[in-house]
Amino acid sequence: MPNVILNPRRVPRAPARCEVRCLLPGGGFWASDTTDVSPKGCQLPAPGPFRVGDPLKLTLASERVDGVLATTGRVAWASRNPPWRIGVAFDDHFTAGTARWFERLVAAYPGLATYQLAPESIELTATLFPGPAPRLAPELGPDEVAVLRALGTGASVAKLRDLLAADWPAIEGVLFAMIGKKHLTLDPGAAGTPEEWAAHLRPDPE
């Protein structure tokens, strides 16, 4: 078993929410939002279980980017348990167009290119710590909230993998994205505390 996890953002992958419509092989479609996007693929919630290799036709749209990205792809990985999610690899002959659209997406969102601040790999024995909590509540996805809750004052990548096993390997990419956004750190001297993050992790009042 590898003793490191590799940053999927070695191929730039920005933590962006884009509107997606996925056409299913048997007809029909479902609408979703991406968790992240790259020139070669995206990650998104799914309406049910999928198999690796399942074909998909997709369109992606962002309110800040002109034009719709239309592409095809295949399921590169799929969660084994709900909540269902999939990673989609775009077909090779679309990558020139997806790369151009991705560049416009990153340019449209200041700070979105923080994926460049994350390392290329992390050892499983490395300890991650919560970064300093921002003064204003950040927009956290459910995976990011789960990571911060599981992390406590600090935990090894291996321990997080055990605690969040049902959502692995999707969490791998989330860890690198959170390091890029400085929500996580490998430097104990730059760490924040769970207490500082507590208010940002409370459920919204009903």
C-alpha atoms as a PDB file:
ATOM      1  CA  MET A   1       0.000   0.000   0.000  1.00  0.00           C
ATOM      2  CA  PRO A   2       1.435   3.463  -0.866  1.00  0.00           C
ATOM      3  CA  ASN A   3       2.743   5.421   2.096  1.00  0.00           C
ATOM      4  CA  VAL A   4       1.790   8.770   0.528  1.00  0.00           C
ATOM      5  CA  ILE A   5      -1.258  10.358  -1.028  1.00  0.00           C
ATOM      6  CA  LEU A   6      -0.719  12.278  -4.241  1.00  0.00           C
ATOM      7  CA  ASN A   7      -2.175  15.670  -4.940  1.00  0.00           C
ATOM      8  CA  PRO A   8      -4.709  15.360  -7.780  1.00  0.00           C
ATOM      9  CA  ARG A   9      -4.084  19.067  -8.272  1.00  0.00           C
ATOM     10  CA  ARG A  10      -0.721  18.242  -9.826  1.00  0.00           C
ATOM     11  CA  VAL A  11      -3.132  18.570 -12.694  1.00  0.00           C
ATOM     12  CA  PRO A  12      -4.642  21.917 -11.637  1.00  0.00           C
ATOM     13  CA  ARG A  13      -7.942  21.255  -9.929  1.00  0.00           C
ATOM     14  CA  ALA A  14      -9.786  24.215  -8.489  1.00  0.00           C
ATOM     15  CA  PRO A  15     -12.322  23.895  -5.656  1.00  0.00           C
ATOM     16  CA  ALA A  16     -15.129  25.495  -7.649  1.00  0.00           C
ATOM     17  CA  ARG A  17     -18.873  24.929  -7.747  1.00  0.00           C
ATOM     18  CA  CYS A  18     -20.191  24.810 -11.292  1.00  0.00           C
ATOM     19  CA  GLU A  19     -23.658  23.809 -12.413  1.00  0.00           C
ATOM     20  CA  VAL A  20     -23.621  20.431 -14.133  1.00  0.00           C
ATOM     21  CA  ARG A  21     -26.212  18.581 -16.179  1.00  0.00           C
ATOM     22  CA  CYS A  22     -25.327  14.943 -16.776  1.00  0.00           C
ATOM     23  CA  LEU A  23     -26.996  12.956 -19.512  1.00  0.00           C
ATOM     24  CA  LEU A  24     -27.429   9.300 -18.584  1.00  0.00           C
ATOM     25  CA  PRO A  25     -26.709   6.432 -21.011  1.00  0.00           C
ATOM     26  CA  GLY A  26     -30.326   5.229 -20.898  1.00  0.00           C
ATOM     27  CA  GLY A  27     -31.814   8.694 -21.297  1.00  0.00           C
ATOM     28  CA  GLY A  28     -32.720  11.405 -18.842  1.00  0.00           C
ATOM     29  CA  PHE A  29     -30.355  13.586 -16.870  1.00  0.00           C
ATOM     30  CA  TRP A  30     -29.614  14.849 -13.404  1.00  0.00           C
ATOM     31  CA  ALA A  31     -28.437  18.276 -12.263  1.00  0.00           C
ATOM     32  CA  SER A  32     -25.702  18.747  -9.699  1.00  0.00           C
ATOM     33  CA  ASP A  33     -22.880  21.057  -8.609  1.00  0.00           C
ATOM     34  CA  THR A  34     -19.214  20.208  -8.915  1.00  0.00           C
ATOM     35  CA  THR A  35     -17.028  19.914  -5.832  1.00  0.00           C
ATOM     36  CA  ASP A  36     -13.970  20.713  -7.891  1.00  0.00           C
ATOM     37  CA  VAL A  37     -12.995  21.051 -11.533  1.00  0.00           C
ATOM     38  CA  SER A  38      -9.838  20.520 -13.567  1.00  0.00           C
ATOM     39  CA  PRO A  39      -8.981  20.598 -17.266  1.00  0.00           C
ATOM     40  CA  LYS A  40      -9.229  16.803 -17.246  1.00  0.00           C
ATOM     41  CA  GLY A  41     -12.198  16.070 -15.015  1.00  0.00           C
ATOM     42  CA  CYS A  42     -14.438  16.980 -12.124  1.00  0.00           C
ATOM     43  CA  GLN A  43     -15.937  15.614  -8.941  1.00  0.00           C
ATOM     44  CA  LEU A  44     -19.640  15.810  -8.159  1.00  0.00           C
ATOM     45  CA  PRO A  45     -22.446  14.280  -6.099  1.00  0.00           C
ATOM     46  CA  ALA A  46     -24.420  11.556  -7.869  1.00  0.00           C
ATOM     47  CA  PRO A  47     -28.047  10.434  -7.606  1.00  0.00           C
ATOM     48  CA  GLY A  48     -27.063   6.809  -6.976  1.00  0.00           C
ATOM     49  CA  PRO A  49     -24.254   4.264  -7.347  1.00  0.00           C
ATOM     50  CA  PHE A  50     -22.114   4.218 -10.484  1.00  0.00           C
ATOM     51  CA  ARG A  51     -19.520   1.834 -11.850  1.00  0.00           C
ATOM     52  CA  VAL A  52     -16.009   2.787 -12.897  1.00  0.00           C
ATOM     53  CA  GLY A  53     -16.012   3.213 -16.668  1.00  0.00           C
ATOM     54  CA  ASP A  54     -19.662   4.287 -16.987  1.00  0.00           C
ATOM     55  CA  PRO A  55     -19.922   6.863 -19.820  1.00  0.00           C
ATOM     56  CA  LEU A  56     -21.428  10.303 -19.264  1.00  0.00           C
ATOM     57  CA  LYS A  57     -22.259  13.381 -21.307  1.00  0.00           C
ATOM     58  CA  LEU A  58     -21.941  16.594 -19.313  1.00  0.00           C
ATOM     59  CA  THR A  59     -22.414  20.320 -19.583  1.00  0.00           C
ATOM     60  CA  LEU A  60     -20.784  22.663 -17.058  1.00  0.00           C
ATOM     61  CA  ALA A  61     -21.726  26.295 -16.513  1.00  0.00           C
ATOM     62  CA  SER A  62     -20.607  29.085 -14.192  1.00  0.00           C
ATOM     63  CA  GLU A  63     -22.296  32.418 -13.722  1.00  0.00           C
ATOM     64  CA  ARG A  64     -18.925  34.171 -14.151  1.00  0.00           C
ATOM     65  CA  VAL A  65     -17.777  32.359 -17.288  1.00  0.00           C
ATOM     66  CA  ASP A  66     -19.247  32.986 -20.725  1.00  0.00           C
ATOM     67  CA  GLY A  67     -20.361  29.905 -22.565  1.00  0.00           C
ATOM     68  CA  VAL A  68     -21.175  26.364 -21.511  1.00  0.00           C
ATOM     69  CA  LEU A  69     -18.593  23.595 -21.467  1.00  0.00           C
ATOM     70  CA  ALA A  70     -19.989  20.510 -23.219  1.00  0.00           C
ATOM     71  CA  THR A  71     -17.925  17.350 -22.910  1.00  0.00           C
ATOM     72  CA  THR A  72     -18.078  13.606 -22.503  1.00  0.00           C
ATOM     73  CA  GLY A  73     -16.258  11.470 -19.991  1.00  0.00           C
ATOM     74  CA  ARG A  74     -16.196   8.322 -17.941  1.00  0.00           C
ATOM     75  CA  VAL A  75     -16.484   7.563 -14.248  1.00  0.00           C
ATOM     76  CA  ALA A  76     -12.913   7.345 -12.925  1.00  0.00           C
ATOM     77  CA  TRP A  77     -13.945   6.411  -9.378  1.00  0.00           C
ATOM     78  CA  ALA A  78     -17.192   6.104  -7.475  1.00  0.00           C
ATOM     79  CA  SER A  79     -18.075   5.988  -3.783  1.00  0.00           C
ATOM     80  CA  ARG A  80     -19.155   2.602  -2.502  1.00  0.00           C
ATOM     81  CA  ASN A  81     -21.700   3.976  -0.033  1.00  0.00           C
ATOM     82  CA  PRO A  82     -24.063   6.948   0.153  1.00  0.00           C
ATOM     83  CA  PRO A  83     -23.824   9.887  -0.040  1.00  0.00           C
ATOM     84  CA  TRP A  84     -23.013   8.928  -3.630  1.00  0.00           C
ATOM     85  CA  ARG A  85     -20.293  10.813  -5.466  1.00  0.00           C
ATOM     86  CA  ILE A  86     -18.178  10.253  -8.543  1.00  0.00           C
ATOM     87  CA  GLY A  87     -15.009  11.474 -10.157  1.00  0.00           C
ATOM     88  CA  VAL A  88     -15.341  12.035 -13.895  1.00  0.00           C
ATOM     89  CA  ALA A  89     -12.409  11.952 -16.323  1.00  0.00           C
ATOM     90  CA  PHE A  90     -13.121  13.947 -19.471  1.00  0.00           C
ATOM     91  CA  ASP A  91     -12.469  12.156 -22.746  1.00  0.00           C
ATOM     92  CA  ASP A  92      -9.072  13.037 -24.238  1.00  0.00           C
ATOM     93  CA  HIS A  93     -10.370  14.636 -27.418  1.00  0.00           C
ATOM     94  CA  PHE A  94     -12.185  17.301 -25.355  1.00  0.00           C
ATOM     95  CA  THR A  95      -9.212  18.343 -23.183  1.00  0.00           C
ATOM     96  CA  ALA A  96      -8.138  21.310 -25.346  1.00  0.00           C
ATOM     97  CA  GLY A  97     -11.583  22.875 -24.918  1.00  0.00           C
ATOM     98  CA  THR A  98     -11.879  21.951 -21.235  1.00  0.00           C
ATOM     99  CA  ALA A  99      -8.435  23.481 -20.548  1.00  0.00           C
ATOM    100  CA  ARG A 100      -9.468  26.801 -22.116  1.00  0.00           C
ATOM    101  CA  TRP A 101     -12.721  26.856 -20.143  1.00  0.00           C
ATOM    102  CA  PHE A 102     -10.847  26.012 -16.928  1.00  0.00           C
ATOM    103  CA  GLU A 103      -8.451  28.914 -17.466  1.00  0.00           C
ATOM    104  CA  ARG A 104     -11.400  31.295 -17.790  1.00  0.00           C
ATOM    105  CA  LEU A 105     -12.964  29.830 -14.632  1.00  0.00           C
ATOM    106  CA  VAL A 106      -9.819  30.349 -12.547  1.00  0.00           C
ATOM    107  CA  ALA A 107      -9.370  33.886 -13.912  1.00  0.00           C
ATOM    108  CA  ALA A 108     -12.967  34.753 -12.992  1.00  0.00           C
ATOM    109  CA  TYR A 109     -12.608  33.890  -9.295  1.00  0.00           C
ATOM    110  CA  PRO A 110      -9.894  35.773  -7.383  1.00  0.00           C
ATOM    111  CA  GLY A 111      -8.100  33.413  -5.036  1.00  0.00           C
ATOM    112  CA  LEU A 112      -9.385  30.288  -6.741  1.00  0.00           C
ATOM    113  CA  ALA A 113      -5.878  29.293  -7.815  1.00  0.00           C
ATOM    114  CA  THR A 114      -4.904  28.476  -4.214  1.00  0.00           C
ATOM    115  CA  TYR A 115      -4.543  24.849  -5.338  1.00  0.00           C
ATOM    116  CA  GLN A 116      -1.032  25.948  -6.382  1.00  0.00           C
ATOM    117  CA  LEU A 117      -0.062  26.405  -2.719  1.00  0.00           C
ATOM    118  CA  ALA A 118      -0.558  22.756  -1.799  1.00  0.00           C
ATOM    119  CA  PRO A 119       2.251  20.164  -1.877  1.00  0.00           C
ATOM    120  CA  GLU A 120       2.464  17.472  -4.545  1.00  0.00           C
ATOM    121  CA  SER A 121       2.154  14.675  -1.968  1.00  0.00           C
ATOM    122  CA  ILE A 122       1.679  14.050   1.748  1.00  0.00           C
ATOM    123  CA  GLU A 123       2.985  11.076   3.711  1.00  0.00           C
ATOM    124  CA  LEU A 124       0.366   9.058   5.563  1.00  0.00           C
ATOM    125  CA  THR A 125       2.371   9.559   8.765  1.00  0.00           C
ATOM    126  CA  ALA A 126       2.298  13.367   8.386  1.00  0.00           C
ATOM    127  CA  THR A 127       0.200  15.272  10.907  1.00  0.00           C
ATOM    128  CA  LEU A 128      -2.298  17.831   9.691  1.00  0.00           C
ATOM    129  CA  PHE A 129      -3.491  20.675  11.900  1.00  0.00           C
ATOM    130  CA  PRO A 130      -6.376  23.119  11.571  1.00  0.00           C
ATOM    131  CA  GLY A 131      -5.169  26.408  10.153  1.00  0.00           C
ATOM    132  CA  PRO A 132      -6.085  29.703  11.789  1.00  0.00           C
ATOM    133  CA  ALA A 133      -9.841  30.180  11.564  1.00  0.00           C
ATOM    134  CA  PRO A 134     -10.778  33.210   9.431  1.00  0.00           C
ATOM    135  CA  ARG A 135     -12.712  36.051  11.070  1.00  0.00           C
ATOM    136  CA  LEU A 136     -15.548  35.763   8.565  1.00  0.00           C
ATOM    137  CA  ALA A 137     -17.229  32.391   8.128  1.00  0.00           C
ATOM    138  CA  PRO A 138     -15.780  30.683   5.041  1.00  0.00           C
ATOM    139  CA  GLU A 139     -17.907  28.758   2.574  1.00  0.00           C
ATOM    140  CA  LEU A 140     -17.219  25.171   3.625  1.00  0.00           C
ATOM    141  CA  GLY A 141     -18.445  22.111   1.803  1.00  0.00           C
ATOM    142  CA  PRO A 142     -19.711  19.095   3.775  1.00  0.00           C
ATOM    143  CA  ASP A 143     -16.431  17.232   3.193  1.00  0.00           C
ATOM    144  CA  GLU A 144     -14.418  20.162   4.542  1.00  0.00           C
ATOM    145  CA  VAL A 145     -16.625  20.308   7.642  1.00  0.00           C
ATOM    146  CA  ALA A 146     -16.183  16.557   8.133  1.00  0.00           C
ATOM    147  CA  VAL A 147     -12.398  16.903   7.899  1.00  0.00           C
ATOM    148  CA  LEU A 148     -12.236  19.734  10.433  1.00  0.00           C
ATOM    149  CA  ARG A 149     -14.487  17.869  12.856  1.00  0.00           C
ATOM    150  CA  ALA A 150     -12.429  14.680  12.556  1.00  0.00           C
ATOM    151  CA  LEU A 151      -9.134  16.560  12.812  1.00  0.00           C
ATOM    152  CA  GLY A 152      -9.495  17.950  16.322  1.00  0.00           C
ATOM    153  CA  THR A 153      -6.225  19.572  17.380  1.00  0.00           C
ATOM    154  CA  GLY A 154      -4.355  17.530  14.783  1.00  0.00           C
ATOM    155  CA  ALA A 155      -4.298  14.049  13.274  1.00  0.00           C
ATOM    156  CA  SER A 156      -2.205  12.002  10.897  1.00  0.00           C
ATOM    157  CA  VAL A 157      -3.386  11.475   7.343  1.00  0.00           C
ATOM    158  CA  ALA A 158      -3.633   7.755   8.125  1.00  0.00           C
ATOM    159  CA  LYS A 159      -5.958   8.445  11.063  1.00  0.00           C
ATOM    160  CA  LEU A 160      -8.143  10.720   8.953  1.00  0.00           C
ATOM    161  CA  ARG A 161      -8.330   7.996   6.316  1.00  0.00           C
ATOM    162  CA  ASP A 162      -9.590   5.565   8.955  1.00  0.00           C
ATOM    163  CA  LEU A 163     -12.093   8.046  10.395  1.00  0.00           C
ATOM    164  CA  LEU A 164     -13.412   9.133   6.976  1.00  0.00           C
ATOM    165  CA  ALA A 165     -13.039   5.802   5.181  1.00  0.00           C
ATOM    166  CA  ALA A 166     -16.541   5.886   3.700  1.00  0.00           C
ATOM    167  CA  ASP A 167     -15.687   9.055   1.748  1.00  0.00           C
ATOM    168  CA  TRP A 168     -12.152   8.122   0.704  1.00  0.00           C
ATOM    169  CA  PRO A 169     -10.598   8.718  -1.882  1.00  0.00           C
ATOM    170  CA  ALA A 170     -12.684  11.866  -2.441  1.00  0.00           C
ATOM    171  CA  ILE A 171     -11.305  13.267   0.826  1.00  0.00           C
ATOM    172  CA  GLU A 172      -7.746  13.083  -0.529  1.00  0.00           C
ATOM    173  CA  GLY A 173      -8.411  15.927  -2.934  1.00  0.00           C
ATOM    174  CA  VAL A 174     -10.254  17.865  -0.235  1.00  0.00           C
ATOM    175  CA  LEU A 175      -7.188  17.764   2.036  1.00  0.00           C
ATOM    176  CA  PHE A 176      -4.971  19.330  -0.623  1.00  0.00           C
ATOM    177  CA  ALA A 177      -7.594  21.952  -1.432  1.00  0.00           C
ATOM    178  CA  MET A 178      -7.885  22.873   2.252  1.00  0.00           C
ATOM    179  CA  ILE A 179      -4.114  23.212   2.552  1.00  0.00           C
ATOM    180  CA  GLY A 180      -4.171  25.503  -0.471  1.00  0.00           C
ATOM    181  CA  LYS A 181      -6.846  27.643   1.193  1.00  0.00           C
ATOM    182  CA  LYS A 182      -4.877  27.545   4.495  1.00  0.00           C
ATOM    183  CA  HIS A 183      -7.762  25.867   6.290  1.00  0.00           C
ATOM    184  CA  LEU A 184      -5.263  23.078   7.087  1.00  0.00           C
ATOM    185  CA  THR A 185      -1.537  23.251   7.731  1.00  0.00           C
ATOM    186  CA  LEU A 186       1.384  20.875   8.120  1.00  0.00           C
ATOM    187  CA  ASP A 187       3.161  23.417  10.347  1.00  0.00           C
ATOM    188  CA  PRO A 188       2.263  23.053  14.034  1.00  0.00           C
ATOM    189  CA  GLY A 189       3.548  26.576  14.624  1.00  0.00           C
ATOM    190  CA  ALA A 190       0.923  27.958  12.227  1.00  0.00           C
ATOM    191  CA  ALA A 191      -1.978  25.915  13.616  1.00  0.00           C
ATOM    192  CA  GLY A 192      -5.300  27.212  14.836  1.00  0.00           C
ATOM    193  CA  THR A 193      -7.555  25.516  17.356  1.00  0.00           C
ATOM    194  CA  PRO A 194     -10.830  23.566  17.193  1.00  0.00           C
ATOM    195  CA  GLU A 195     -12.371  26.217  19.420  1.00  0.00           C
ATOM    196  CA  GLU A 196     -11.616  28.918  16.851  1.00  0.00           C
ATOM    197  CA  TRP A 197     -13.333  26.848  14.147  1.00  0.00           C
ATOM    198  CA  ALA A 198     -16.309  25.759  16.266  1.00  0.00           C
ATOM    199  CA  ALA A 199     -18.602  28.620  15.272  1.00  0.00           C
ATOM    200  CA  HIS A 200     -17.956  27.968  11.575  1.00  0.00           C
ATOM    201  CA  LEU A 201     -18.867  24.284  11.909  1.00  0.00           C
ATOM    202  CA  ARG A 202     -22.246  24.659  13.595  1.00  0.00           C
ATOM    203  CA  PRO A 203     -25.270  23.682  11.518  1.00  0.00           C
ATOM    204  CA  ASP A 204     -27.270  26.594  10.144  1.00  0.00           C
ATOM    205  CA  PRO A 205     -30.199  27.542  12.396  1.00  0.00           C
ATOM    206  CA  GLU A 206     -33.553  26.349  11.102  1.00  0.00           C
END
